[in-house]
Amino acid sequence: MNKTRTGKNLTQDCTRRSLIYESWCMTCHERDLEEAESKADGDKDKLKYLQDNIKMHKYIGETARSLYERSWEHLTDLENLSTKSHMLKHVVDKHSNEEMDEIKFGIKIIKYAKSSFERQIFESVEIQANRQQMLNSSSEYNRCAVPRLTCKLGNKDFKKCEKE
C-alpha cells in the first residue's frame, strides 16, 4: 500500500527478513508540505528551506521478520486499538478530531542487517539521532542504549563513540 500511495521505494523487497525500518505519519507530512508551500509564497529558496526543516513524526524499529509481516502487525494493532501501538498513540495525540480511517502512515526499510545485534545497535543509533518528533515510546529509547566509553589518562578524559 505504501508503494502505491507514494510511488517511492518501489525496488524494496518487503519479504526479505532481518531489517531496520521507519514508519511515519504521511498525513502530518503532507500537511506540513502544504503549510510550507503557503508560507513560501512562491519563493523557491524559502520553500526548499522550509521543506528541509520539516520534522517528520516517525517510528524506528527493527525486526527479524519481513517488513510485510511487521507492517501488518502495526496495522492490526491500530485497528484493534492496542495500547502498545505507536500509530494509535499518534492518532490520539495529533489527530483526535479526525476519522481514524483518513490517517495514512508510510513505512520503508532503512537497512538490512546480518544479525540481531547489528539490528539492535543500528536501531538504537537511529533513535538517538532522531529524538525529535519520535513516535517510539520513551521506554524504547533506553531499551537498546549504546554505552559510551571514556578513557582516562592522568587528569584528562578522552571520550570515544560520542555522537553529540
N, C-alpha and C. Protein backbone atom coordinates (compact mmCIF):
# COMPACT_ATOMS: atom_id res chain seq x y z
N MET A 1 0.82 -1.20 0.00
CA MET A 1 0.00 0.00 0.00
C MET A 1 0.87 1.26 0.00
N ASN A 2 1.96 1.20 0.75
CA ASN A 2 2.85 2.35 0.83
C ASN A 2 3.46 2.68 -0.53
N LYS A 3 3.85 1.65 -1.26
CA LYS A 3 4.46 1.85 -2.58
C LYS A 3 3.47 2.51 -3.54
N THR A 4 2.21 2.09 -3.50
CA THR A 4 1.23 2.67 -4.41
C THR A 4 0.84 4.09 -4.00
N ARG A 5 0.81 4.36 -2.70
CA ARG A 5 0.47 5.72 -2.24
C ARG A 5 1.54 6.74 -2.59
N THR A 6 2.79 6.35 -2.39
CA THR A 6 3.87 7.33 -2.55
C THR A 6 4.57 7.23 -3.90
N GLY A 7 4.56 6.06 -4.52
CA GLY A 7 5.31 5.88 -5.75
C GLY A 7 6.81 5.81 -5.50
N LYS A 8 7.20 5.64 -4.23
CA LYS A 8 8.61 5.59 -3.85
C LYS A 8 8.97 4.21 -3.31
N ASN A 9 10.27 3.95 -3.26
CA ASN A 9 10.81 2.70 -2.72
C ASN A 9 10.22 1.48 -3.42
N LEU A 10 10.01 1.61 -4.71
CA LEU A 10 9.39 0.54 -5.48
C LEU A 10 10.29 -0.68 -5.61
N THR A 11 11.59 -0.51 -5.41
CA THR A 11 12.51 -1.63 -5.56
C THR A 11 12.78 -2.35 -4.24
N GLN A 12 12.24 -1.85 -3.13
CA GLN A 12 12.49 -2.50 -1.85
C GLN A 12 11.75 -3.83 -1.78
N ASP A 13 12.43 -4.83 -1.25
CA ASP A 13 11.87 -6.16 -1.12
C ASP A 13 11.21 -6.28 0.26
N CYS A 14 9.90 -6.27 0.30
CA CYS A 14 9.17 -6.31 1.56
C CYS A 14 9.12 -7.70 2.18
N THR A 15 9.66 -8.71 1.48
CA THR A 15 9.64 -10.07 2.01
C THR A 15 10.99 -10.49 2.58
N ARG A 16 12.02 -9.69 2.39
CA ARG A 16 13.34 -10.00 2.93
C ARG A 16 13.33 -9.78 4.45
N ARG A 17 14.03 -10.62 5.17
CA ARG A 17 14.00 -10.59 6.63
C ARG A 17 15.21 -9.89 7.24
N SER A 18 15.12 -9.61 8.54
CA SER A 18 16.18 -9.00 9.34
C SER A 18 16.51 -7.59 8.86
N LEU A 19 15.77 -6.62 9.39
CA LEU A 19 15.91 -5.26 8.89
C LEU A 19 15.57 -4.22 9.94
N ILE A 20 15.95 -2.99 9.63
CA ILE A 20 15.60 -1.82 10.43
C ILE A 20 14.69 -0.99 9.53
N TYR A 21 13.61 -0.47 10.09
CA TYR A 21 12.64 0.25 9.28
C TYR A 21 12.19 1.52 9.98
N GLU A 22 11.56 2.39 9.23
CA GLU A 22 10.93 3.57 9.84
C GLU A 22 9.52 3.69 9.30
N SER A 23 8.64 4.13 10.18
CA SER A 23 7.24 4.37 9.85
C SER A 23 6.96 5.83 10.20
N TRP A 24 6.14 6.50 9.40
CA TRP A 24 5.87 7.91 9.65
C TRP A 24 4.43 8.23 9.30
N CYS A 25 3.96 9.34 9.83
CA CYS A 25 2.60 9.80 9.55
C CYS A 25 2.62 10.59 8.25
N MET A 26 2.06 9.99 7.21
CA MET A 26 2.01 10.66 5.90
C MET A 26 1.05 11.85 5.93
N THR A 27 0.00 11.75 6.73
CA THR A 27 -0.98 12.83 6.82
C THR A 27 -0.32 14.09 7.38
N CYS A 28 0.42 13.97 8.46
CA CYS A 28 1.12 15.13 9.04
C CYS A 28 2.15 15.67 8.06
N HIS A 29 2.87 14.77 7.41
CA HIS A 29 3.92 15.20 6.48
C HIS A 29 3.32 15.98 5.30
N GLU A 30 2.21 15.48 4.76
CA GLU A 30 1.55 16.17 3.65
C GLU A 30 1.04 17.54 4.08
N ARG A 31 0.50 17.64 5.29
CA ARG A 31 0.03 18.94 5.81
C ARG A 31 1.19 19.91 5.99
N ASP A 32 2.30 19.39 6.51
CA ASP A 32 3.48 20.25 6.70
C ASP A 32 4.01 20.75 5.36
N LEU A 33 3.98 19.91 4.33
CA LEU A 33 4.41 20.33 3.00
C LEU A 33 3.50 21.41 2.44
N GLU A 34 2.19 21.24 2.62
CA GLU A 34 1.23 22.25 2.16
C GLU A 34 1.43 23.57 2.90
N GLU A 35 1.66 23.48 4.20
CA GLU A 35 1.90 24.68 5.01
C GLU A 35 3.18 25.39 4.56
N ALA A 36 4.21 24.64 4.24
CA ALA A 36 5.47 25.21 3.75
C ALA A 36 5.24 25.94 2.43
N GLU A 37 4.44 25.35 1.55
CA GLU A 37 4.15 26.00 0.25
C GLU A 37 3.41 27.31 0.44
N SER A 38 2.46 27.33 1.39
CA SER A 38 1.71 28.58 1.61
C SER A 38 2.58 29.64 2.26
N LYS A 39 3.47 29.25 3.16
CA LYS A 39 4.37 30.21 3.82
C LYS A 39 5.42 30.74 2.85
N ALA A 40 5.84 29.93 1.88
CA ALA A 40 6.90 30.33 0.96
C ALA A 40 6.41 31.39 -0.02
N ASP A 41 5.13 31.45 -0.30
CA ASP A 41 4.56 32.45 -1.20
C ASP A 41 5.27 32.51 -2.55
N GLY A 42 5.60 31.35 -3.10
CA GLY A 42 6.24 31.30 -4.42
C GLY A 42 7.75 31.46 -4.41
N ASP A 43 8.36 31.74 -3.28
CA ASP A 43 9.81 31.87 -3.16
C ASP A 43 10.42 30.46 -3.08
N LYS A 44 11.12 30.04 -4.15
CA LYS A 44 11.63 28.68 -4.23
C LYS A 44 12.70 28.39 -3.17
N ASP A 45 13.55 29.36 -2.88
CA ASP A 45 14.59 29.15 -1.87
C ASP A 45 13.97 28.97 -0.48
N LYS A 46 12.98 29.80 -0.18
CA LYS A 46 12.30 29.70 1.11
C LYS A 46 11.55 28.38 1.21
N LEU A 47 10.92 27.96 0.10
CA LEU A 47 10.20 26.69 0.08
C LEU A 47 11.14 25.53 0.35
N LYS A 48 12.29 25.53 -0.31
CA LYS A 48 13.28 24.46 -0.10
C LYS A 48 13.74 24.44 1.35
N TYR A 49 14.01 25.62 1.92
CA TYR A 49 14.44 25.72 3.32
C TYR A 49 13.36 25.16 4.25
N LEU A 50 12.11 25.56 4.03
CA LEU A 50 11.01 25.10 4.88
C LEU A 50 10.79 23.59 4.75
N GLN A 51 10.88 23.08 3.53
CA GLN A 51 10.71 21.64 3.32
C GLN A 51 11.83 20.84 3.96
N ASP A 52 13.05 21.35 3.90
CA ASP A 52 14.19 20.65 4.50
C ASP A 52 14.11 20.62 6.02
N ASN A 53 13.38 21.56 6.61
CA ASN A 53 13.30 21.65 8.08
C ASN A 53 12.02 21.07 8.66
N ILE A 54 11.27 20.35 7.85
CA ILE A 54 10.07 19.68 8.36
C ILE A 54 10.51 18.49 9.20
N LYS A 55 10.00 18.42 10.40
CA LYS A 55 10.29 17.31 11.31
C LYS A 55 9.19 16.27 11.15
N MET A 56 9.56 15.09 10.71
CA MET A 56 8.57 14.03 10.48
C MET A 56 8.26 13.32 11.79
N HIS A 57 7.01 12.95 11.97
CA HIS A 57 6.59 12.14 13.11
C HIS A 57 6.86 10.70 12.72
N LYS A 58 7.96 10.13 13.23
CA LYS A 58 8.32 8.79 12.78
C LYS A 58 8.66 7.85 13.91
N TYR A 59 8.57 6.58 13.58
CA TYR A 59 8.86 5.48 14.48
C TYR A 59 9.97 4.66 13.84
N ILE A 60 10.96 4.31 14.62
CA ILE A 60 12.06 3.49 14.11
C ILE A 60 12.01 2.15 14.83
N GLY A 61 12.09 1.08 14.07
CA GLY A 61 12.02 -0.25 14.66
C GLY A 61 12.94 -1.23 13.96
N GLU A 62 13.09 -2.38 14.59
CA GLU A 62 13.89 -3.45 14.00
C GLU A 62 13.10 -4.74 14.13
N THR A 63 13.29 -5.64 13.19
CA THR A 63 12.57 -6.91 13.23
C THR A 63 13.38 -8.01 12.55
N ALA A 64 13.21 -9.22 13.05
CA ALA A 64 13.82 -10.38 12.40
C ALA A 64 12.91 -10.85 11.26
N ARG A 65 11.65 -10.43 11.31
CA ARG A 65 10.70 -10.81 10.27
C ARG A 65 10.82 -9.86 9.07
N SER A 66 9.93 -10.02 8.12
CA SER A 66 9.94 -9.14 6.94
C SER A 66 9.15 -7.87 7.23
N LEU A 67 9.35 -6.86 6.38
CA LEU A 67 8.60 -5.61 6.53
C LEU A 67 7.12 -5.85 6.30
N TYR A 68 6.79 -6.74 5.40
CA TYR A 68 5.38 -7.07 5.15
C TYR A 68 4.72 -7.59 6.42
N GLU A 69 5.38 -8.54 7.09
CA GLU A 69 4.82 -9.11 8.31
C GLU A 69 4.72 -8.07 9.43
N ARG A 70 5.79 -7.30 9.61
CA ARG A 70 5.82 -6.33 10.70
C ARG A 70 4.83 -5.20 10.49
N SER A 71 4.72 -4.71 9.25
CA SER A 71 3.78 -3.62 8.99
C SER A 71 2.34 -4.11 9.16
N TRP A 72 2.09 -5.37 8.81
CA TRP A 72 0.76 -5.93 9.02
C TRP A 72 0.42 -5.94 10.51
N GLU A 73 1.40 -6.28 11.36
CA GLU A 73 1.20 -6.26 12.81
C GLU A 73 0.89 -4.85 13.30
N HIS A 74 1.62 -3.85 12.79
CA HIS A 74 1.36 -2.47 13.19
C HIS A 74 -0.05 -2.05 12.81
N LEU A 75 -0.49 -2.39 11.61
CA LEU A 75 -1.85 -2.04 11.18
C LEU A 75 -2.91 -2.76 12.01
N THR A 76 -2.66 -4.02 12.33
CA THR A 76 -3.59 -4.78 13.16
C THR A 76 -3.68 -4.17 14.55
N ASP A 77 -2.54 -3.77 15.13
CA ASP A 77 -2.55 -3.12 16.44
C ASP A 77 -3.37 -1.83 16.41
N LEU A 78 -3.24 -1.06 15.34
CA LEU A 78 -4.01 0.18 15.21
C LEU A 78 -5.50 -0.13 15.11
N GLU A 79 -5.87 -1.08 14.27
CA GLU A 79 -7.28 -1.42 14.09
C GLU A 79 -7.91 -2.00 15.36
N ASN A 80 -7.11 -2.74 16.13
CA ASN A 80 -7.60 -3.34 17.38
C ASN A 80 -7.49 -2.40 18.57
N LEU A 81 -7.05 -1.17 18.31
CA LEU A 81 -6.89 -0.15 19.35
C LEU A 81 -5.97 -0.62 20.48
N SER A 82 -4.88 -1.27 20.10
CA SER A 82 -3.91 -1.76 21.07
C SER A 82 -3.15 -0.59 21.70
N THR A 83 -3.01 -0.61 23.01
CA THR A 83 -2.33 0.48 23.70
C THR A 83 -0.84 0.52 23.41
N LYS A 84 -0.28 -0.56 22.87
CA LYS A 84 1.14 -0.57 22.53
C LYS A 84 1.41 -0.01 21.13
N SER A 85 0.37 0.36 20.40
CA SER A 85 0.51 0.83 19.03
C SER A 85 1.02 2.27 18.96
N HIS A 86 2.16 2.46 18.30
CA HIS A 86 2.68 3.82 18.12
C HIS A 86 1.75 4.63 17.21
N MET A 87 1.11 3.95 16.28
CA MET A 87 0.19 4.63 15.37
C MET A 87 -1.04 5.15 16.12
N LEU A 88 -1.59 4.34 17.00
CA LEU A 88 -2.76 4.75 17.78
C LEU A 88 -2.41 5.93 18.68
N LYS A 89 -1.25 5.86 19.33
CA LYS A 89 -0.83 6.96 20.20
C LYS A 89 -0.72 8.26 19.41
N HIS A 90 -0.19 8.18 18.20
CA HIS A 90 -0.07 9.38 17.36
C HIS A 90 -1.44 9.89 16.93
N VAL A 91 -2.33 8.99 16.53
CA VAL A 91 -3.67 9.39 16.11
C VAL A 91 -4.40 10.09 17.25
N VAL A 92 -4.32 9.54 18.46
CA VAL A 92 -4.99 10.14 19.61
C VAL A 92 -4.37 11.49 19.95
N ASP A 93 -3.05 11.58 19.86
CA ASP A 93 -2.34 12.80 20.23
C ASP A 93 -2.50 13.92 19.21
N LYS A 94 -2.37 13.61 17.93
CA LYS A 94 -2.32 14.65 16.89
C LYS A 94 -3.56 14.73 15.99
N HIS A 95 -4.36 13.68 15.96
CA HIS A 95 -5.49 13.63 15.03
C HIS A 95 -6.80 13.28 15.75
N SER A 96 -6.99 13.77 16.95
CA SER A 96 -8.15 13.38 17.74
C SER A 96 -9.48 13.82 17.13
N ASN A 97 -9.47 14.87 16.32
CA ASN A 97 -10.71 15.37 15.71
C ASN A 97 -10.96 14.82 14.31
N GLU A 98 -10.19 13.83 13.90
CA GLU A 98 -10.30 13.29 12.55
C GLU A 98 -10.71 11.82 12.59
N GLU A 99 -11.23 11.35 11.48
CA GLU A 99 -11.58 9.93 11.36
C GLU A 99 -10.30 9.11 11.25
N MET A 100 -10.23 8.03 11.99
CA MET A 100 -9.02 7.20 12.00
C MET A 100 -8.73 6.61 10.62
N ASP A 101 -9.77 6.35 9.84
CA ASP A 101 -9.58 5.76 8.51
C ASP A 101 -8.89 6.72 7.55
N GLU A 102 -8.94 8.02 7.83
CA GLU A 102 -8.36 9.02 6.93
C GLU A 102 -6.87 9.27 7.20
N ILE A 103 -6.36 8.78 8.32
CA ILE A 103 -4.95 8.99 8.68
C ILE A 103 -4.12 7.93 7.96
N LYS A 104 -3.08 8.38 7.24
CA LYS A 104 -2.23 7.47 6.47
C LYS A 104 -0.84 7.41 7.09
N PHE A 105 -0.29 6.23 7.14
CA PHE A 105 1.07 6.02 7.61
C PHE A 105 1.88 5.39 6.49
N GLY A 106 3.15 5.75 6.42
CA GLY A 106 4.07 5.16 5.46
C GLY A 106 5.09 4.33 6.21
N ILE A 107 5.74 3.44 5.50
CA ILE A 107 6.78 2.60 6.11
C ILE A 107 7.81 2.26 5.05
N LYS A 108 9.08 2.25 5.44
CA LYS A 108 10.13 1.88 4.50
C LYS A 108 11.30 1.26 5.24
N ILE A 109 12.08 0.51 4.50
CA ILE A 109 13.27 -0.15 5.05
C ILE A 109 14.41 0.85 5.06
N ILE A 110 15.08 0.96 6.20
CA ILE A 110 16.27 1.81 6.29
C ILE A 110 17.51 1.01 5.93
N LYS A 111 17.57 -0.22 6.47
CA LYS A 111 18.79 -1.01 6.31
C LYS A 111 18.49 -2.47 6.60
N TYR A 112 19.16 -3.34 5.89
CA TYR A 112 19.12 -4.78 6.20
C TYR A 112 20.28 -5.08 7.14
N ALA A 113 20.09 -6.05 8.02
CA ALA A 113 21.13 -6.40 8.98
C ALA A 113 21.46 -7.88 8.90
N LYS A 114 22.68 -8.21 9.29
CA LYS A 114 23.13 -9.60 9.23
C LYS A 114 22.87 -10.34 10.54
N SER A 115 22.69 -9.60 11.63
CA SER A 115 22.48 -10.25 12.93
C SER A 115 21.52 -9.42 13.78
N SER A 116 21.01 -10.05 14.83
CA SER A 116 20.12 -9.32 15.74
C SER A 116 20.89 -8.23 16.47
N PHE A 117 22.14 -8.49 16.79
CA PHE A 117 22.97 -7.48 17.46
C PHE A 117 23.12 -6.24 16.58
N GLU A 118 23.40 -6.43 15.30
CA GLU A 118 23.54 -5.31 14.37
C GLU A 118 22.23 -4.53 14.25
N ARG A 119 21.09 -5.24 14.20
CA ARG A 119 19.79 -4.58 14.13
C ARG A 119 19.55 -3.70 15.35
N GLN A 120 19.82 -4.25 16.53
CA GLN A 120 19.56 -3.52 17.76
C GLN A 120 20.47 -2.31 17.92
N ILE A 121 21.72 -2.45 17.54
CA ILE A 121 22.65 -1.32 17.62
C ILE A 121 22.23 -0.23 16.64
N PHE A 122 21.93 -0.59 15.42
CA PHE A 122 21.54 0.40 14.42
C PHE A 122 20.24 1.09 14.81
N GLU A 123 19.28 0.33 15.34
CA GLU A 123 18.02 0.93 15.80
C GLU A 123 18.29 1.94 16.90
N SER A 124 19.13 1.58 17.85
CA SER A 124 19.46 2.48 18.96
C SER A 124 20.10 3.77 18.46
N VAL A 125 21.04 3.64 17.54
CA VAL A 125 21.73 4.81 16.99
C VAL A 125 20.74 5.71 16.24
N GLU A 126 19.85 5.11 15.46
CA GLU A 126 18.85 5.88 14.71
C GLU A 126 17.89 6.62 15.65
N ILE A 127 17.45 5.95 16.70
CA ILE A 127 16.54 6.59 17.66
C ILE A 127 17.24 7.75 18.34
N GLN A 128 18.49 7.56 18.74
CA GLN A 128 19.23 8.64 19.41
C GLN A 128 19.44 9.82 18.47
N ALA A 129 19.65 9.56 17.20
CA ALA A 129 19.90 10.63 16.23
C ALA A 129 18.63 11.37 15.83
N ASN A 130 17.47 10.76 16.02
CA ASN A 130 16.20 11.34 15.57
C ASN A 130 15.23 11.55 16.73
N ARG A 131 15.68 12.04 17.85
CA ARG A 131 14.84 12.11 19.04
C ARG A 131 13.64 13.05 18.91
N GLN A 132 13.71 14.07 18.06
CA GLN A 132 12.59 14.99 17.94
C GLN A 132 11.47 14.34 17.14
N GLN A 133 10.25 14.52 17.60
CA GLN A 133 9.04 14.06 16.91
C GLN A 133 8.98 12.54 16.78
N MET A 134 9.65 11.81 17.66
CA MET A 134 9.65 10.36 17.57
C MET A 134 8.34 9.78 18.09
N LEU A 135 7.87 8.74 17.44
CA LEU A 135 6.67 8.03 17.87
C LEU A 135 7.03 6.86 18.77
N ASN A 136 8.31 6.54 18.88
CA ASN A 136 8.74 5.48 19.78
C ASN A 136 8.43 5.91 21.21
N SER A 137 7.98 4.98 22.04
CA SER A 137 7.72 5.33 23.43
C SER A 137 9.04 5.52 24.16
N SER A 138 9.00 6.25 25.25
CA SER A 138 10.25 6.58 25.96
C SER A 138 10.95 5.33 26.48
N SER A 139 10.21 4.26 26.75
CA SER A 139 10.86 3.03 27.21
C SER A 139 11.71 2.41 26.11
N GLU A 140 11.35 2.66 24.84
CA GLU A 140 12.14 2.12 23.74
C GLU A 140 13.42 2.90 23.53
N TYR A 141 13.46 4.15 23.98
CA TYR A 141 14.68 4.95 23.84
C TYR A 141 15.82 4.29 24.61
N ASN A 142 15.51 3.71 25.76
CA ASN A 142 16.55 3.18 26.63
C ASN A 142 16.73 1.67 26.49
N ARG A 143 15.85 1.04 25.73
CA ARG A 143 15.90 -0.42 25.62
C ARG A 143 17.23 -0.89 25.08
N CYS A 144 17.74 -0.22 24.06
CA CYS A 144 18.98 -0.63 23.42
C CYS A 144 19.98 0.51 23.43
N ALA A 145 20.09 1.19 24.53
CA ALA A 145 21.02 2.32 24.60
C ALA A 145 22.45 1.82 24.40
N VAL A 146 23.19 2.53 23.55
CA VAL A 146 24.57 2.16 23.28
C VAL A 146 25.44 2.78 24.37
N PRO A 147 26.20 1.96 25.09
CA PRO A 147 27.05 2.52 26.15
C PRO A 147 28.17 3.39 25.58
N ARG A 148 28.55 4.40 26.32
CA ARG A 148 29.63 5.30 25.93
C ARG A 148 30.90 4.89 26.67
N LEU A 149 32.03 4.96 25.98
CA LEU A 149 33.31 4.61 26.58
C LEU A 149 34.10 5.87 26.90
N THR A 150 34.75 5.89 28.05
CA THR A 150 35.61 7.00 28.43
C THR A 150 36.94 6.44 28.89
N CYS A 151 38.02 6.96 28.33
CA CYS A 151 39.36 6.55 28.74
C CYS A 151 39.97 7.68 29.55
N LYS A 152 40.63 7.35 30.64
CA LYS A 152 41.23 8.37 31.49
C LYS A 152 42.73 8.20 31.49
N LEU A 153 43.43 9.29 31.20
CA LEU A 153 44.88 9.30 31.22
C LEU A 153 45.30 10.49 32.07
N GLY A 154 45.69 10.23 33.31
CA GLY A 154 46.00 11.33 34.23
C GLY A 154 44.73 12.08 34.57
N ASN A 155 44.74 13.40 34.36
CA ASN A 155 43.56 14.22 34.65
C ASN A 155 42.70 14.48 33.43
N LYS A 156 43.07 13.93 32.27
CA LYS A 156 42.33 14.18 31.04
C LYS A 156 41.39 13.02 30.73
N ASP A 157 40.19 13.40 30.25
CA ASP A 157 39.22 12.41 29.80
C ASP A 157 39.23 12.39 28.28
N PHE A 158 39.26 11.20 27.70
CA PHE A 158 39.16 11.04 26.26
C PHE A 158 37.89 10.26 25.97
N LYS A 159 36.93 10.90 25.39
CA LYS A 159 35.65 10.25 25.14
C LYS A 159 35.65 9.63 23.76
N LYS A 160 35.11 8.41 23.68
CA LYS A 160 35.01 7.68 22.42
C LYS A 160 33.54 7.40 22.14
N CYS A 161 33.20 7.25 20.90
CA CYS A 161 31.88 6.82 20.45
C CYS A 161 30.79 7.84 20.78
N GLU A 162 31.10 9.08 21.01
CA GLU A 162 30.05 10.07 21.29
C GLU A 162 29.64 10.75 20.01
N LYS A 163 28.35 10.80 19.83
CA LYS A 163 27.77 11.44 18.65
C LYS A 163 26.85 12.53 19.15
N GLU A 164 27.34 13.67 19.44
CA GLU A 164 26.53 14.77 20.01
C GLU A 164 26.50 15.91 19.04
